[in-house]
Amino acid sequence: MSTQEVLIRIQATPNPNAWKFVLDRPVLLEGKATYSNADEAYGNRMALDLITIEGVKQVHFFQNVITITHRIDVDPEKLQQEVCSVIQTRLPVHDPSYGIQKSKLDLRKTLPEDVQQIEAILDRTIRPGLQGDGGDIEVIKFEDNKLYVHYEGACGTCPSSTTGTLMAIEGILRDELNTQIEVIPL
């Protein structure tokens, strides 16, 4: 990979405890990855170095974006400097294909039809906004008209994800799929 300096744009997110670091090259070629502790980051040196920065609670990789969720008592300038330093030193040797196994679409073909429909609706309506804010949503399970989801990245601890966003998801799914559906965050 290129050894030239990585261009990094730092952006605020709707979550006051999360920052997006938008890079001039990919951090992940396919899918997304979220790390909440050093054990989860094992094998990915850049994620490991980021998650072990004092005050960092979660690291989320998506395309050319790294979202860092942090404790409320962290000095934002110091955190941003440390994150940028890790990115500058680790990205030149980072493998953006790390962890790619089967494509998301191939895996979805094995899901029940109703879950495939839910995923397609989320991809079209909800995920672009969440991903633009440095987060995402993962469907955990769907049973008895209850959809269990997990917020990732900046969305994981954002106050609006448990209110407005959740209501929007439920409203869209009720309009497009099933009037009885209930969305439950885990």
Protein backbone atom coordinates (compact mmCIF):
# COMPACT_ATOMS: atom_id res chain seq x y z
CA MET A 1 0.00 0.00 0.00
CA SER A 2 1.04 3.61 -0.47
CA THR A 3 3.44 5.10 2.06
CA GLN A 4 2.34 8.68 1.39
CA GLU A 5 0.57 10.50 4.20
CA VAL A 6 -3.06 9.54 4.63
CA LEU A 7 -5.49 12.41 4.14
CA ILE A 8 -7.97 12.44 7.03
CA ARG A 9 -11.08 14.59 7.45
CA ILE A 10 -12.56 14.58 10.95
CA GLN A 11 -16.31 15.05 11.17
CA ALA A 12 -18.72 15.29 14.06
CA THR A 13 -21.65 12.86 14.17
CA PRO A 14 -25.12 13.27 15.68
CA ASN A 15 -23.74 11.31 18.63
CA PRO A 16 -21.83 13.75 20.87
CA ASN A 17 -19.54 10.89 21.90
CA ALA A 18 -18.45 9.81 18.41
CA TRP A 19 -16.22 11.16 15.63
CA LYS A 20 -15.93 10.10 12.00
CA PHE A 21 -12.49 9.93 10.40
CA VAL A 22 -12.95 9.97 6.64
CA LEU A 23 -9.87 8.71 4.81
CA ASP A 24 -8.58 9.10 1.24
CA ARG A 25 -8.34 5.32 0.87
CA PRO A 26 -10.33 2.29 1.98
CA VAL A 27 -10.16 0.88 5.45
CA LEU A 28 -12.49 -1.97 4.47
CA LEU A 29 -13.22 -3.20 0.93
CA GLU A 30 -16.44 -4.98 1.77
CA GLY A 31 -18.95 -4.99 4.60
CA LYS A 32 -18.33 -3.38 7.96
CA ALA A 33 -16.52 -4.26 11.17
CA THR A 34 -17.14 -3.15 14.73
CA TYR A 35 -14.75 -3.69 17.62
CA SER A 36 -15.66 -3.06 21.26
CA ASN A 37 -12.59 -4.55 22.94
CA ALA A 38 -9.08 -5.79 22.26
CA ASP A 39 -10.16 -9.43 21.93
CA GLU A 40 -12.54 -8.55 19.08
CA ALA A 41 -9.79 -6.55 17.36
CA TYR A 42 -7.22 -9.35 17.60
CA GLY A 43 -5.64 -9.93 14.20
CA ASN A 44 -6.38 -6.41 12.96
CA ARG A 45 -3.47 -4.28 14.19
CA MET A 46 -5.01 -0.92 13.34
CA ALA A 47 -8.30 -1.75 15.08
CA LEU A 48 -6.38 -3.07 18.09
CA ASP A 49 -4.28 0.09 18.36
CA LEU A 50 -7.39 2.28 18.04
CA ILE A 51 -9.49 0.39 20.61
CA THR A 52 -6.68 0.57 23.16
CA ILE A 53 -6.47 4.38 23.06
CA GLU A 54 -7.59 5.60 26.46
CA GLY A 55 -11.27 6.52 26.45
CA VAL A 56 -12.18 4.73 23.21
CA LYS A 57 -15.25 2.53 23.65
CA GLN A 58 -15.81 1.30 20.10
CA VAL A 59 -14.17 1.35 16.66
CA HIS A 60 -16.31 0.94 13.53
CA PHE A 61 -14.85 0.44 10.02
CA PHE A 62 -16.95 1.05 6.90
CA GLN A 63 -15.54 1.69 3.43
CA ASN A 64 -13.15 4.65 3.91
CA VAL A 65 -14.55 5.72 7.29
CA ILE A 66 -13.45 4.92 10.83
CA THR A 67 -15.91 5.93 13.53
CA ILE A 68 -14.60 6.23 17.06
CA THR A 69 -17.06 6.17 19.95
CA HIS A 70 -15.58 7.43 23.22
CA ARG A 71 -16.30 8.12 26.86
CA ILE A 72 -17.89 11.47 27.66
CA ASP A 73 -14.90 12.65 29.74
CA VAL A 74 -12.34 12.37 26.91
CA ASP A 75 -10.55 15.47 25.61
CA PRO A 76 -11.69 15.56 21.95
CA GLU A 77 -8.53 17.25 20.61
CA LYS A 78 -6.23 14.75 22.30
CA LEU A 79 -8.36 11.84 21.14
CA GLN A 80 -8.42 13.10 17.55
CA GLN A 81 -4.63 13.53 17.55
CA GLU A 82 -4.07 10.02 18.89
CA VAL A 83 -6.50 8.46 16.41
CA CYS A 84 -4.91 10.33 13.50
CA SER A 85 -1.47 9.19 14.63
CA VAL A 86 -2.55 5.54 14.69
CA ILE A 87 -4.22 5.88 11.28
CA GLN A 88 -1.10 7.50 9.76
CA THR A 89 1.20 4.76 11.06
CA ARG A 90 -1.05 1.72 10.61
CA LEU A 91 -3.07 2.36 7.43
CA PRO A 92 -0.06 2.05 5.07
CA VAL A 93 0.34 -1.58 6.23
CA HIS A 94 -3.35 -2.28 6.90
CA ASP A 95 -5.09 -4.85 4.69
CA PRO A 96 -8.54 -3.47 3.71
CA SER A 97 -9.61 -6.97 2.65
CA TYR A 98 -9.10 -8.23 6.21
CA GLY A 99 -11.96 -10.45 7.30
CA ILE A 100 -13.72 -10.73 3.94
CA GLN A 101 -15.18 -14.18 3.61
CA LYS A 102 -18.51 -14.36 1.84
CA SER A 103 -20.18 -11.38 0.34
CA LYS A 104 -23.08 -9.83 2.19
CA LEU A 105 -25.44 -10.67 -0.67
CA ASP A 106 -24.37 -14.32 -0.71
CA LEU A 107 -25.01 -14.61 3.04
CA ARG A 108 -28.41 -12.93 2.73
CA LYS A 109 -29.57 -15.56 0.24
CA THR A 110 -29.56 -18.05 3.12
CA LEU A 111 -31.84 -15.92 5.32
CA PRO A 112 -35.61 -16.45 5.58
CA GLU A 113 -37.56 -14.50 2.93
CA ASP A 114 -39.09 -12.05 5.44
CA VAL A 115 -35.66 -11.18 6.83
CA GLN A 116 -34.33 -10.71 3.28
CA GLN A 117 -37.19 -8.25 2.67
CA ILE A 118 -36.39 -6.39 5.90
CA GLU A 119 -32.70 -6.18 4.97
CA ALA A 120 -33.58 -4.82 1.51
CA ILE A 121 -35.88 -2.16 3.00
CA LEU A 122 -33.21 -1.14 5.53
CA ASP A 123 -30.58 -0.98 2.76
CA ARG A 124 -32.77 1.31 0.67
CA THR A 125 -34.21 3.57 3.38
CA ILE A 126 -32.31 3.55 6.66
CA ARG A 127 -28.73 2.37 6.25
CA PRO A 128 -27.54 5.17 3.93
CA GLY A 129 -28.36 7.78 6.58
CA LEU A 130 -26.89 5.77 9.44
CA GLN A 131 -23.72 5.02 7.45
CA GLY A 132 -23.43 8.69 6.52
CA ASP A 133 -23.39 9.48 10.23
CA GLY A 134 -20.69 6.88 10.97
CA GLY A 135 -22.91 4.04 12.11
CA ASP A 136 -25.11 1.20 10.97
CA ILE A 137 -27.74 -1.27 12.09
CA GLU A 138 -27.56 -5.05 12.20
CA VAL A 139 -30.58 -7.33 12.18
CA ILE A 140 -30.16 -9.89 14.95
CA LYS A 141 -33.39 -11.87 14.54
CA PHE A 142 -37.03 -11.62 13.52
CA GLU A 143 -39.69 -13.66 15.26
CA ASP A 144 -43.33 -13.16 16.23
CA ASN A 145 -43.42 -9.78 14.42
CA LYS A 146 -40.54 -8.55 16.60
CA LEU A 147 -37.39 -7.37 14.85
CA TYR A 148 -34.35 -7.33 17.12
CA VAL A 149 -31.61 -4.97 15.97
CA HIS A 150 -28.20 -3.83 17.15
CA TYR A 151 -26.89 -0.33 16.43
CA GLU A 152 -23.23 -0.08 15.43
CA GLY A 153 -20.61 2.66 15.26
CA ALA A 154 -21.76 6.15 16.20
CA CYS A 155 -25.36 4.88 16.38
CA GLY A 156 -24.55 2.47 19.20
CA THR A 157 -24.62 5.08 21.95
CA CYS A 158 -26.46 7.91 20.20
CA PRO A 159 -29.51 9.19 22.05
CA SER A 160 -31.51 9.63 18.82
CA SER A 161 -31.04 5.97 17.82
CA THR A 162 -33.35 4.81 20.62
CA THR A 163 -36.04 7.36 19.84
CA GLY A 164 -36.40 9.06 16.45
CA THR A 165 -34.41 6.58 14.38
CA LEU A 166 -36.09 3.60 15.99
CA MET A 167 -39.54 5.09 15.36
CA ALA A 168 -38.61 5.81 11.73
CA ILE A 169 -37.44 2.24 11.16
CA GLU A 170 -40.59 0.85 12.70
CA GLY A 171 -42.80 3.21 10.66
CA ILE A 172 -41.12 2.34 7.37
CA LEU A 173 -41.28 -1.40 8.02
CA ARG A 174 -44.95 -1.13 9.05
CA ASP A 175 -45.76 0.81 5.86
CA GLU A 176 -43.83 -1.46 3.52
CA LEU A 177 -43.96 -4.90 5.08
CA ASN A 178 -46.12 -5.63 8.11
CA THR A 179 -48.39 -3.33 10.14
CA GLN A 180 -47.75 -5.38 13.29
CA ILE A 181 -43.95 -5.24 13.29
CA GLU A 182 -42.16 -4.00 16.41
CA VAL A 183 -38.48 -3.01 16.37
CA ILE A 184 -36.51 -3.73 19.52
CA PRO A 185 -32.91 -2.52 20.01
CA LEU A 186 -30.51 -4.84 21.84
